[in-house]
Amino acid sequence: MALISRLLARPYWPFLPLCFGVFIAADDQTVVVTLLPKMLIDLEVSATDLGSASWTITGYLIGFTAAMPLMGRFSDRIGHRLAFTVAMTIFMVGSALVALSLEVPGWVGQDGPGLEWMVAARVIQAIGGGAIIPIAIAAASDVLPAGKVLIAYALLGASAEAGGVIGPLWGGLLTEFASWEWAFWLNLPFGVLAVAMVLRMPSDVRRSVNVDVIGGALFGLSLALITAGLSFSGERGAWFYVLLVLAGISIITLVAHLRRSDSPIIPGLLLSSPSFLAANAFHLLIGAALIIAMITIPLMANTVLGKSSLDGGLQLLRMTAAIPVGAILGGLATRRFGTNGAAIPGIILTVVGFALMSNWSIDIGDPALTIHLVIVGVGFGLLIAPVTSSAMRAAIPGTRGAASSFITVSRMTGMTIGLAAITAWGTTRFDSLVADAPAFSTNPDVQREIAELAQNAGLDVFQNFFLAAAIMMAIGVIPALLMNKDEPDHIP
């Protein structure tokens, strides 16, 4: 209690409304995990059609990520209060459109529910939600004194992860006692409350900086093309190669634009900072590993383990609830011991936790299941403050919005690409494992054989997902060790 009282002491009060906004936006990243089975039924999409189903999440991740570079820079120009208000308004409009997505096709004369309307609405919602986190990170340096900023980063990280904690449980409860639409309708009153709280904050600074709209558009296009291409990686058909070639052209065009632009979305000062580059590279790997955990844990519970959507949300809750705890500990450890003092223990915990999870069997239960999930959650939490502080170290007034947006973009890019890759690979792997399954039969013994084969194939896929996450986090030790290259001897 003493630690919590210290963290919520008066110097942090002006910052808490921003934390509340981050919490709301982060909740919608994970709430769909447990809403998805009911949403797919209403959308008339098969739960086994992972390619189509994943776009309700992938679309959100693309919009969430693509908005960050522009809105981070935009907040430097118009001030963080106004930027937050604009972002939250877009988020609320998108939330309403998601809730109405089953009705919209009828309004335009389309037969049946349309998945494309749902995905489009999720993208709009994500554009607003994705802008909130970098705006809040950038505002920390303006709202709080220098000695409090590290703890502010930890509070923001804890708020974001707390949203991730509540999301699956919130979604599971709504599917049990109401309908999935309420998860999005309720964003409106919470969003209005967040805006009202932020507008009461002290006035912030507006700076004369240019917003690189072309660079931001090229970045979003590149991300969308890469993600779409990877979604076809399991088939390796014509679309896989066409989309990746187009992505390559878009990336080359983006690089050429950045070199010519007077005010690129990534300022040259940041690109010359070793800690900024290392932190973003590490965050890319963290994002890919995190999305594997966020998707696989409840999906494994709902399929091979035979549990309900609410059970899947509660299972994921054991990991996500530990992340805010790790985030606070990571902020304190970074302040006292430096970047490596929190980053290296965080890496060790995540690698060990994922390695243990890769050996889960169908009869996995407590206490082992909870211990493994808590180990991974605390490990992820420990990494938030050292990664954020390493990326923000090179930022000066006028570039903090850009720096904060790209450190978040790197994680979201890892999540987006990681989700597309594992969906494609997992589908192909599962199909190959059940290729020799007997044809459908009314014979109970044959039916039992088919069910056992599908269950074992699913278990194999999920185990390999966790193993891939462990390997990615182990690779992360390389950029993690480079994050302290320009770290001061003393952290205030």
Protein backbone atom coordinates (compact mmCIF):
# COMPACT_ATOMS: atom_id res chain seq x y z
CA MET A 1 0.00 0.00 0.00
CA ALA A 2 2.87 2.36 0.76
CA LEU A 3 4.25 1.79 -2.75
CA ILE A 4 0.87 2.50 -4.37
CA SER A 5 0.45 5.67 -2.28
CA ARG A 6 3.89 6.83 -3.36
CA LEU A 7 3.11 6.22 -7.05
CA LEU A 8 -0.19 8.08 -6.83
CA ALA A 9 1.27 11.00 -4.88
CA ARG A 10 0.34 14.56 -5.88
CA PRO A 11 3.01 15.03 -8.62
CA TYR A 12 1.32 12.26 -10.62
CA TRP A 13 -2.25 13.51 -10.30
CA PRO A 14 -2.23 15.59 -13.52
CA PHE A 15 -1.04 12.51 -15.38
CA LEU A 16 -3.76 10.10 -14.24
CA PRO A 17 -6.42 11.23 -16.79
CA LEU A 18 -4.04 10.25 -19.59
CA CYS A 19 -3.55 6.87 -17.94
CA PHE A 20 -7.33 6.41 -17.90
CA GLY A 21 -7.50 7.15 -21.64
CA VAL A 22 -4.72 4.65 -22.33
CA PHE A 23 -6.60 2.06 -20.27
CA ILE A 24 -9.76 2.49 -22.36
CA ALA A 25 -7.91 2.20 -25.68
CA ALA A 26 -5.89 -0.81 -24.54
CA ASP A 27 -9.00 -2.63 -23.36
CA ASP A 28 -10.24 -2.89 -26.94
CA GLN A 29 -7.06 -4.60 -28.09
CA THR A 30 -7.91 -7.66 -26.01
CA VAL A 31 -11.68 -7.56 -25.43
CA VAL A 32 -12.28 -9.00 -28.89
CA VAL A 33 -10.33 -12.15 -27.98
CA THR A 34 -13.24 -13.50 -25.94
CA LEU A 35 -15.95 -11.74 -27.98
CA LEU A 36 -14.70 -13.29 -31.22
CA PRO A 37 -16.59 -16.64 -31.08
CA LYS A 38 -19.96 -14.86 -30.69
CA MET A 39 -19.03 -12.17 -33.25
CA LEU A 40 -18.12 -14.83 -35.83
CA ILE A 41 -21.47 -16.58 -35.32
CA ASP A 42 -23.34 -13.32 -36.00
CA LEU A 43 -21.06 -12.60 -38.98
CA GLU A 44 -21.71 -16.12 -40.30
CA VAL A 45 -17.97 -16.85 -40.39
CA SER A 46 -16.73 -20.32 -39.43
CA ALA A 47 -14.57 -20.43 -36.29
CA THR A 48 -12.17 -22.67 -38.22
CA ASP A 49 -11.69 -19.99 -40.89
CA LEU A 50 -8.70 -18.47 -39.10
CA GLY A 51 -7.72 -16.34 -42.08
CA SER A 52 -11.00 -14.41 -42.14
CA ALA A 53 -11.51 -14.40 -38.38
CA SER A 54 -8.06 -12.97 -37.70
CA TRP A 55 -8.81 -9.81 -39.70
CA THR A 56 -11.12 -8.53 -36.96
CA ILE A 57 -7.95 -8.34 -34.86
CA THR A 58 -5.42 -7.66 -37.63
CA GLY A 59 -7.48 -4.76 -38.99
CA TYR A 60 -7.46 -3.17 -35.53
CA LEU A 61 -3.71 -3.65 -35.21
CA ILE A 62 -3.03 -2.09 -38.63
CA GLY A 63 -5.18 0.97 -37.89
CA PHE A 64 -3.78 1.21 -34.37
CA THR A 65 -0.20 1.14 -35.64
CA ALA A 66 -0.59 3.27 -38.78
CA ALA A 67 -2.10 6.17 -36.82
CA MET A 68 0.74 6.49 -34.34
CA PRO A 69 3.49 8.20 -36.39
CA LEU A 70 1.20 10.96 -37.63
CA MET A 71 -0.67 11.52 -34.36
CA GLY A 72 2.51 11.48 -32.29
CA ARG A 73 3.93 14.26 -34.46
CA PHE A 74 0.53 15.96 -34.59
CA SER A 75 0.45 16.15 -30.80
CA ASP A 76 3.78 18.02 -30.82
CA ARG A 77 2.15 20.63 -33.06
CA ILE A 78 -1.33 21.16 -31.54
CA GLY A 79 -0.67 20.19 -27.94
CA HIS A 80 -1.43 16.99 -26.12
CA ARG A 81 -4.83 17.96 -24.72
CA LEU A 82 -6.34 18.77 -28.11
CA ALA A 83 -4.64 15.79 -29.78
CA PHE A 84 -6.03 13.49 -27.09
CA THR A 85 -9.54 14.91 -27.59
CA VAL A 86 -9.38 14.35 -31.36
CA ALA A 87 -8.04 10.81 -30.93
CA MET A 88 -10.65 9.81 -28.35
CA THR A 89 -13.45 11.23 -30.52
CA ILE A 90 -12.32 9.09 -33.48
CA PHE A 91 -12.13 6.09 -31.15
CA MET A 92 -15.70 6.64 -29.94
CA VAL A 93 -17.05 7.04 -33.50
CA GLY A 94 -15.29 3.81 -34.51
CA SER A 95 -16.69 2.02 -31.46
CA ALA A 96 -20.24 3.01 -32.41
CA LEU A 97 -19.68 1.80 -35.98
CA VAL A 98 -18.41 -1.57 -34.71
CA ALA A 99 -21.52 -1.95 -32.55
CA LEU A 100 -23.67 -1.15 -35.62
CA SER A 101 -21.65 -3.24 -38.08
CA LEU A 102 -24.35 -5.94 -38.36
CA GLU A 103 -26.92 -3.29 -39.27
CA VAL A 104 -24.89 -1.31 -41.83
CA PRO A 105 -25.03 -3.92 -44.65
CA GLY A 106 -28.84 -3.76 -44.58
CA TRP A 107 -28.75 0.02 -44.82
CA VAL A 108 -26.77 -0.16 -48.08
CA GLY A 109 -28.74 -3.04 -49.59
CA GLN A 110 -26.22 -5.81 -48.90
CA ASP A 111 -27.54 -9.31 -48.18
CA GLY A 112 -26.41 -10.83 -44.90
CA PRO A 113 -23.85 -9.58 -42.38
CA GLY A 114 -20.56 -8.38 -43.89
CA LEU A 115 -17.20 -9.09 -42.30
CA GLU A 116 -15.67 -6.24 -44.32
CA TRP A 117 -17.88 -3.68 -42.53
CA MET A 118 -16.74 -4.99 -39.16
CA VAL A 119 -13.07 -4.82 -40.18
CA ALA A 120 -13.48 -1.27 -41.58
CA ALA A 121 -15.15 -0.10 -38.37
CA ARG A 122 -12.38 -1.69 -36.29
CA VAL A 123 -9.77 0.18 -38.34
CA ILE A 124 -11.51 3.52 -37.69
CA GLN A 125 -11.75 2.71 -33.99
CA ALA A 126 -8.08 1.75 -33.92
CA ILE A 127 -6.90 4.95 -35.59
CA GLY A 128 -8.18 6.89 -32.58
CA GLY A 129 -7.07 4.32 -30.01
CA GLY A 130 -3.61 4.02 -31.52
CA ALA A 131 -3.00 7.74 -31.20
CA ILE A 132 -3.75 7.90 -27.47
CA ILE A 133 -0.73 5.97 -26.20
CA PRO A 134 2.03 8.03 -27.92
CA ILE A 135 0.22 11.24 -27.01
CA ALA A 136 0.27 10.21 -23.34
CA ILE A 137 3.93 9.15 -23.43
CA ALA A 138 4.96 12.43 -25.04
CA ALA A 139 2.88 14.41 -22.54
CA ALA A 140 4.77 12.88 -19.61
CA SER A 141 7.77 15.13 -20.19
CA ASP A 142 5.57 18.24 -20.26
CA VAL A 143 3.26 17.38 -17.36
CA LEU A 144 5.77 15.95 -14.88
CA PRO A 145 9.21 16.97 -13.59
CA ALA A 146 12.22 15.11 -15.02
CA GLY A 147 12.71 12.96 -11.90
CA LYS A 148 9.17 11.57 -12.16
CA VAL A 149 9.14 10.63 -15.85
CA LEU A 150 10.43 7.05 -15.48
CA ILE A 151 7.67 6.20 -13.02
CA ALA A 152 5.19 7.89 -15.38
CA TYR A 153 6.28 5.54 -18.17
CA ALA A 154 5.72 2.64 -15.81
CA LEU A 155 2.25 3.97 -14.87
CA LEU A 156 1.36 4.29 -18.56
CA GLY A 157 2.60 0.79 -19.23
CA ALA A 158 0.67 -0.50 -16.24
CA SER A 159 -2.48 1.30 -17.46
CA ALA A 160 -2.13 -0.19 -20.93
CA GLU A 161 -1.58 -3.67 -19.54
CA ALA A 162 -4.39 -3.24 -17.04
CA GLY A 163 -6.65 -2.59 -20.02
CA GLY A 164 -5.35 -5.83 -21.45
CA VAL A 165 -6.15 -7.51 -18.13
CA ILE A 166 -9.75 -6.32 -18.07
CA GLY A 167 -10.39 -6.79 -21.80
CA PRO A 168 -10.71 -10.60 -22.00
CA LEU A 169 -12.60 -10.81 -18.71
CA TRP A 170 -14.89 -7.94 -19.72
CA GLY A 171 -15.57 -9.60 -23.06
CA GLY A 172 -16.21 -12.96 -21.43
CA LEU A 173 -18.70 -11.45 -18.96
CA LEU A 174 -20.57 -9.60 -21.70
CA THR A 175 -20.89 -12.74 -23.82
CA GLU A 176 -22.36 -14.52 -20.80
CA PHE A 177 -24.82 -11.86 -19.60
CA ALA A 178 -25.41 -9.45 -22.53
CA SER A 179 -24.23 -9.19 -26.14
CA TRP A 180 -20.85 -8.39 -27.67
CA GLU A 181 -22.12 -5.03 -29.01
CA TRP A 182 -22.17 -3.64 -25.47
CA ALA A 183 -18.39 -3.89 -25.26
CA PHE A 184 -18.28 -1.13 -27.89
CA TRP A 185 -21.30 0.94 -26.86
CA LEU A 186 -19.86 1.33 -23.37
CA ASN A 187 -16.75 2.96 -24.84
CA LEU A 188 -18.80 6.09 -25.49
CA PRO A 189 -19.54 7.19 -21.89
CA PHE A 190 -16.04 6.16 -20.77
CA GLY A 191 -14.52 8.13 -23.65
CA VAL A 192 -16.53 11.25 -22.81
CA LEU A 193 -15.38 10.98 -19.19
CA ALA A 194 -11.73 10.65 -20.27
CA VAL A 195 -11.95 13.74 -22.50
CA ALA A 196 -13.59 15.76 -19.71
CA MET A 197 -10.78 14.77 -17.32
CA VAL A 198 -7.99 15.56 -19.80
CA LEU A 199 -9.44 18.98 -20.66
CA ARG A 200 -9.06 19.92 -16.97
CA MET A 201 -5.31 19.31 -17.13
CA PRO A 202 -2.91 22.29 -17.20
CA SER A 203 -2.33 23.88 -20.61
CA ASP A 204 0.47 22.27 -22.59
CA VAL A 205 3.02 23.52 -25.09
CA ARG A 206 2.41 23.81 -28.83
CA ARG A 207 5.47 23.69 -31.07
CA SER A 208 6.05 24.75 -34.63
CA VAL A 209 6.71 21.38 -36.28
CA ASN A 210 5.62 20.01 -39.64
CA VAL A 211 3.53 16.83 -39.92
CA ASP A 212 4.75 14.45 -42.61
CA VAL A 213 1.40 13.24 -43.95
CA ILE A 214 2.92 11.58 -47.02
CA GLY A 215 5.44 9.66 -44.91
CA GLY A 216 2.70 8.54 -42.54
CA ALA A 217 0.51 7.35 -45.41
CA LEU A 218 3.42 5.42 -46.97
CA PHE A 219 4.19 3.81 -43.62
CA GLY A 220 0.57 2.69 -43.18
CA LEU A 221 0.44 1.36 -46.73
CA SER A 222 3.69 -0.59 -46.27
CA LEU A 223 2.43 -2.16 -43.04
CA ALA A 224 -0.91 -3.12 -44.59
CA LEU A 225 0.76 -4.71 -47.65
CA ILE A 226 3.26 -6.68 -45.55
CA THR A 227 0.50 -7.95 -43.26
CA ALA A 228 -1.78 -8.88 -46.14
CA GLY A 229 1.09 -10.66 -47.89
CA LEU A 230 2.03 -12.66 -44.82
CA SER A 231 -1.59 -13.74 -44.42
CA PHE A 232 -1.08 -15.72 -47.66
CA SER A 233 2.27 -17.19 -46.58
CA GLY A 234 0.74 -20.56 -45.84
CA GLU A 235 -0.47 -20.95 -49.42
CA ARG A 236 2.49 -19.26 -51.15
CA GLY A 237 0.24 -18.45 -54.12
CA ALA A 238 0.40 -15.50 -56.50
CA TRP A 239 -1.10 -13.06 -53.99
CA PHE A 240 1.70 -13.79 -51.50
CA TYR A 241 4.39 -12.68 -53.94
CA VAL A 242 2.42 -9.80 -55.48
CA LEU A 243 1.64 -8.22 -52.13
CA LEU A 244 5.19 -8.58 -50.82
CA VAL A 245 6.59 -7.04 -54.02
CA LEU A 246 4.19 -4.13 -53.64
CA ALA A 247 5.21 -3.85 -49.98
CA GLY A 248 8.87 -3.70 -51.04
CA ILE A 249 8.10 -0.93 -53.52
CA SER A 250 6.19 0.98 -50.85
CA ILE A 251 9.05 0.63 -48.34
CA ILE A 252 11.63 1.82 -50.90
CA THR A 253 9.40 4.80 -51.70
CA LEU A 254 9.05 5.55 -47.97
CA VAL A 255 12.83 5.46 -47.43
CA ALA A 256 13.40 7.74 -50.43
CA HIS A 257 10.77 10.14 -49.11
CA LEU A 258 12.29 10.20 -45.63
CA ARG A 259 15.70 11.07 -47.06
CA ARG A 260 14.25 13.99 -49.05
CA SER A 261 11.80 15.32 -46.47
CA ASP A 262 12.70 18.37 -44.37
CA SER A 263 10.47 17.13 -41.52
CA PRO A 264 10.21 13.33 -41.80
CA ILE A 265 7.92 11.33 -39.54
CA ILE A 266 11.09 9.91 -37.96
CA PRO A 267 13.43 12.85 -37.18
CA GLY A 268 17.07 12.27 -38.11
CA LEU A 269 18.10 12.98 -34.51
CA LEU A 270 16.28 9.84 -33.40
CA LEU A 271 17.69 7.67 -36.17
CA SER A 272 21.21 8.59 -35.08
CA SER A 273 20.59 7.40 -31.51
CA PRO A 274 21.79 3.82 -30.76
CA SER A 275 19.42 3.47 -27.81
CA PHE A 276 16.41 4.55 -29.91
CA LEU A 277 17.18 2.06 -32.69
CA ALA A 278 17.93 -0.78 -30.26
CA ALA A 279 14.78 -0.14 -28.22
CA ASN A 280 12.60 -0.22 -31.34
CA ALA A 281 14.23 -3.42 -32.62
CA PHE A 282 13.65 -5.07 -29.25
CA HIS A 283 10.08 -3.82 -29.07
CA LEU A 284 9.36 -5.40 -32.46
CA LEU A 285 10.29 -8.81 -31.04
CA ILE A 286 8.35 -8.16 -27.83
CA GLY A 287 5.23 -7.33 -29.85
CA ALA A 288 5.46 -10.53 -31.90
CA ALA A 289 5.91 -12.67 -28.77
CA LEU A 290 3.14 -10.83 -26.90
CA ILE A 291 0.52 -11.33 -29.61
CA ILE A 292 1.34 -15.04 -29.67
CA ALA A 293 0.51 -15.22 -25.98
CA MET A 294 -2.60 -13.01 -26.22
CA ILE A 295 -4.14 -15.06 -29.03
CA THR A 296 -2.91 -18.57 -28.24
CA ILE A 297 -3.76 -18.74 -24.53
CA PRO A 298 -7.55 -18.20 -24.83
CA LEU A 299 -7.76 -19.97 -28.20
CA MET A 300 -6.04 -23.04 -26.77
CA ALA A 301 -8.41 -22.96 -23.80
CA ASN A 302 -11.49 -22.71 -26.05
CA THR A 303 -10.40 -25.52 -28.38
CA VAL A 304 -8.07 -28.32 -27.29
CA LEU A 305 -8.68 -27.76 -23.57
CA GLY A 306 -12.47 -27.66 -24.09
CA LYS A 307 -13.15 -24.58 -21.94
CA SER A 308 -15.64 -21.72 -22.41
CA SER A 309 -14.91 -18.19 -23.68
CA LEU A 310 -15.08 -16.88 -20.12
CA ASP A 311 -12.66 -19.59 -18.96
CA GLY A 312 -10.29 -18.59 -21.77
CA GLY A 313 -10.46 -14.96 -20.66
CA LEU A 314 -9.81 -15.89 -17.05
CA GLN A 315 -6.84 -18.01 -18.12
CA LEU A 316 -5.32 -15.11 -20.07
CA LEU A 317 -6.06 -12.87 -17.10
CA ARG A 318 -3.44 -14.75 -15.08
CA MET A 319 -0.74 -13.48 -17.45
CA THR A 320 -2.08 -10.00 -18.13
CA ALA A 321 -2.74 -9.30 -14.44
CA ALA A 322 0.95 -9.87 -13.73
CA ILE A 323 2.12 -7.40 -16.42
CA PRO A 324 1.17 -4.18 -14.51
CA VAL A 325 2.96 -5.55 -11.44
CA GLY A 326 6.05 -6.18 -13.53
CA ALA A 327 5.70 -2.72 -15.13
CA ILE A 328 5.89 -0.93 -11.77
CA LEU A 329 8.80 -3.10 -10.63
CA GLY A 330 10.52 -2.45 -13.96
CA GLY A 331 10.18 1.32 -13.53
CA LEU A 332 11.70 1.18 -10.06
CA ALA A 333 14.47 -1.21 -11.17
CA THR A 334 15.36 0.94 -14.20
CA ARG A 335 15.55 4.03 -12.04
CA ARG A 336 17.84 2.34 -9.53
CA PHE A 337 19.91 -0.10 -11.61
CA GLY A 338 19.68 1.23 -15.16
CA THR A 339 18.33 -0.31 -18.34
CA ASN A 340 19.88 -3.75 -18.00
CA GLY A 341 18.79 -4.01 -14.38
CA ALA A 342 15.20 -4.52 -15.55
CA ALA A 343 15.60 -5.68 -19.17
CA ILE A 344 17.76 -8.76 -18.58
CA PRO A 345 15.58 -10.23 -15.78
CA GLY A 346 12.53 -9.53 -17.97
CA ILE A 347 14.02 -11.46 -20.87
CA ILE A 348 14.99 -14.38 -18.67
CA LEU A 349 11.49 -14.64 -17.19
CA THR A 350 9.71 -14.51 -20.56
CA VAL A 351 12.02 -17.09 -22.16
CA VAL A 352 11.65 -19.47 -19.21
CA GLY A 353 7.87 -18.97 -19.06
CA PHE A 354 7.30 -19.55 -22.77
CA ALA A 355 9.59 -22.60 -22.73
CA LEU A 356 7.48 -24.08 -19.93
CA MET A 357 4.27 -23.27 -21.82
CA SER A 358 5.59 -24.99 -24.96
CA ASN A 359 5.41 -28.25 -22.97
CA TRP A 360 1.77 -27.82 -21.93
CA SER A 361 -0.30 -30.96 -22.36
CA ILE A 362 -4.05 -31.35 -22.67
CA ASP A 363 -4.33 -32.02 -18.93
CA ILE A 364 -2.33 -28.93 -17.87
CA GLY A 365 -3.79 -27.46 -14.70
CA ASP A 366 -2.98 -25.48 -11.59
CA PRO A 367 -0.70 -24.61 -9.99
CA ALA A 368 1.66 -25.13 -12.97
CA LEU A 369 -0.56 -23.25 -15.45
CA THR A 370 -0.87 -20.16 -13.27
CA ILE A 371 2.82 -20.14 -12.34
CA HIS A 372 3.89 -20.28 -15.99
CA LEU A 373 1.50 -17.48 -16.99
CA VAL A 374 2.57 -15.23 -14.11
CA ILE A 375 6.26 -15.74 -14.98
CA VAL A 376 5.63 -14.55 -18.54
CA GLY A 377 3.43 -11.65 -17.40
CA VAL A 378 5.95 -10.30 -14.90
CA GLY A 379 8.70 -10.69 -17.51
CA PHE A 380 6.80 -8.62 -20.09
CA GLY A 381 6.02 -6.00 -17.46
CA LEU A 382 9.66 -5.60 -16.43
CA LEU A 383 10.53 -4.64 -20.02
CA ILE A 384 8.17 -1.68 -20.37
CA ALA A 385 10.14 1.02 -18.54
CA PRO A 386 13.65 0.19 -19.85
CA VAL A 387 12.45 0.00 -23.46
CA THR A 388 10.44 3.23 -23.24
CA SER A 389 13.15 5.20 -21.42
CA SER A 390 15.81 4.00 -23.88
CA ALA A 391 13.74 5.16 -26.84
CA MET A 392 12.83 8.52 -25.28
CA ARG A 393 16.39 9.30 -24.17
CA ALA A 394 17.32 10.86 -27.51
CA ALA A 395 14.12 12.90 -27.80
CA ILE A 396 14.12 16.65 -27.34
CA PRO A 397 11.15 19.06 -27.24
CA GLY A 398 9.51 18.88 -30.65
CA THR A 399 10.45 15.24 -31.26
CA ARG A 400 8.93 13.57 -28.19
CA GLY A 401 5.65 12.86 -29.96
CA ALA A 402 7.52 11.19 -32.83
CA ALA A 403 9.76 9.20 -30.47
CA SER A 404 6.86 8.03 -28.31
CA SER A 405 4.79 7.07 -31.34
CA PHE A 406 7.51 4.98 -32.92
CA ILE A 407 8.43 3.06 -29.81
CA THR A 408 4.77 2.06 -29.64
CA VAL A 409 4.62 1.51 -33.41
CA SER A 410 7.49 -0.98 -33.22
CA ARG A 411 5.62 -3.17 -30.75
CA MET A 412 2.36 -2.93 -32.67
CA THR A 413 4.15 -3.71 -35.94
CA GLY A 414 5.59 -6.82 -34.33
CA MET A 415 2.10 -7.78 -33.14
CA THR A 416 0.55 -7.19 -36.56
CA ILE A 417 3.17 -9.08 -38.55
CA GLY A 418 3.41 -11.79 -35.90
CA LEU A 419 -0.34 -12.41 -35.95
CA ALA A 420 -0.42 -12.66 -39.76
CA ALA A 421 2.54 -15.04 -39.80
CA ILE A 422 1.34 -17.42 -37.08
CA THR A 423 -2.18 -17.50 -38.51
CA ALA A 424 -0.89 -18.54 -41.93
CA TRP A 425 1.69 -20.99 -40.57
CA GLY A 426 -0.68 -22.42 -37.98
CA THR A 427 -3.40 -23.08 -40.55
CA THR A 428 -0.95 -24.83 -42.88
CA ARG A 429 0.57 -26.85 -40.05
CA PHE A 430 -2.82 -27.95 -38.72
CA ASP A 431 -4.02 -28.99 -42.19
CA SER A 432 -0.89 -31.08 -42.75
CA LEU A 433 -1.29 -32.83 -39.40
CA VAL A 434 -4.90 -33.82 -40.07
CA ALA A 435 -4.42 -34.63 -43.77
CA ASP A 436 -4.54 -38.37 -43.06
CA ALA A 437 -7.61 -38.19 -40.84
CA PRO A 438 -10.38 -40.64 -41.71
CA ALA A 439 -13.36 -39.34 -43.64
CA PHE A 440 -16.48 -38.43 -41.68
CA SER A 441 -18.25 -41.47 -40.34
CA THR A 442 -21.19 -42.27 -38.11
CA ASN A 443 -19.06 -44.91 -36.43
CA PRO A 444 -18.37 -43.69 -32.86
CA ASP A 445 -14.86 -45.14 -32.90
CA VAL A 446 -13.98 -43.29 -36.13
CA GLN A 447 -15.50 -40.07 -34.77
CA ARG A 448 -13.40 -40.44 -31.63
CA GLU A 449 -10.28 -41.01 -33.74
CA ILE A 450 -10.98 -37.87 -35.79
CA ALA A 451 -11.55 -35.78 -32.65
CA GLU A 452 -8.35 -37.04 -30.99
CA LEU A 453 -6.32 -36.38 -34.14
CA ALA A 454 -7.67 -32.81 -34.39
CA GLN A 455 -7.04 -32.22 -30.70
CA ASN A 456 -3.45 -33.46 -30.91
CA ALA A 457 -2.83 -31.41 -34.07
CA GLY A 458 -4.12 -28.28 -32.36
CA LEU A 459 -1.94 -28.97 -29.32
CA ASP A 460 1.12 -29.37 -31.56
CA VAL A 461 0.44 -26.02 -33.26
CA PHE A 462 -0.05 -24.17 -29.97
CA GLN A 463 3.08 -25.69 -28.43
CA ASN A 464 5.10 -24.51 -31.42
CA PHE A 465 3.62 -21.01 -31.11
CA PHE A 466 4.91 -20.77 -27.52
CA LEU A 467 8.31 -22.15 -28.56
CA ALA A 468 8.55 -19.50 -31.30
CA ALA A 469 7.78 -16.81 -28.72
CA ALA A 470 10.56 -18.12 -26.44
CA ILE A 471 13.05 -18.01 -29.32
CA MET A 472 12.09 -14.45 -30.26
CA MET A 473 12.52 -13.24 -26.69
CA ALA A 474 15.91 -14.97 -26.48
CA ILE A 475 17.01 -13.18 -29.66
CA GLY A 476 15.87 -9.95 -28.01
CA VAL A 477 18.84 -10.02 -25.64
CA ILE A 478 21.00 -8.62 -28.49
CA PRO A 479 19.14 -5.30 -28.99
CA ALA A 480 18.41 -5.17 -25.25
CA LEU A 481 22.13 -5.03 -24.43
CA LEU A 482 22.53 -2.19 -26.95
CA MET A 483 19.81 -0.05 -25.36
CA ASN A 484 22.19 1.37 -22.74
CA LYS A 485 24.84 2.63 -25.20
CA ASP A 486 24.09 6.29 -24.50
CA GLU A 487 22.62 5.84 -21.03
CA PRO A 488 23.78 8.41 -18.45
CA ASP A 489 25.74 7.19 -15.43
CA HIS A 490 22.98 8.40 -13.15
CA ILE A 491 19.24 8.18 -13.81
CA PRO A 492 17.27 10.82 -11.86
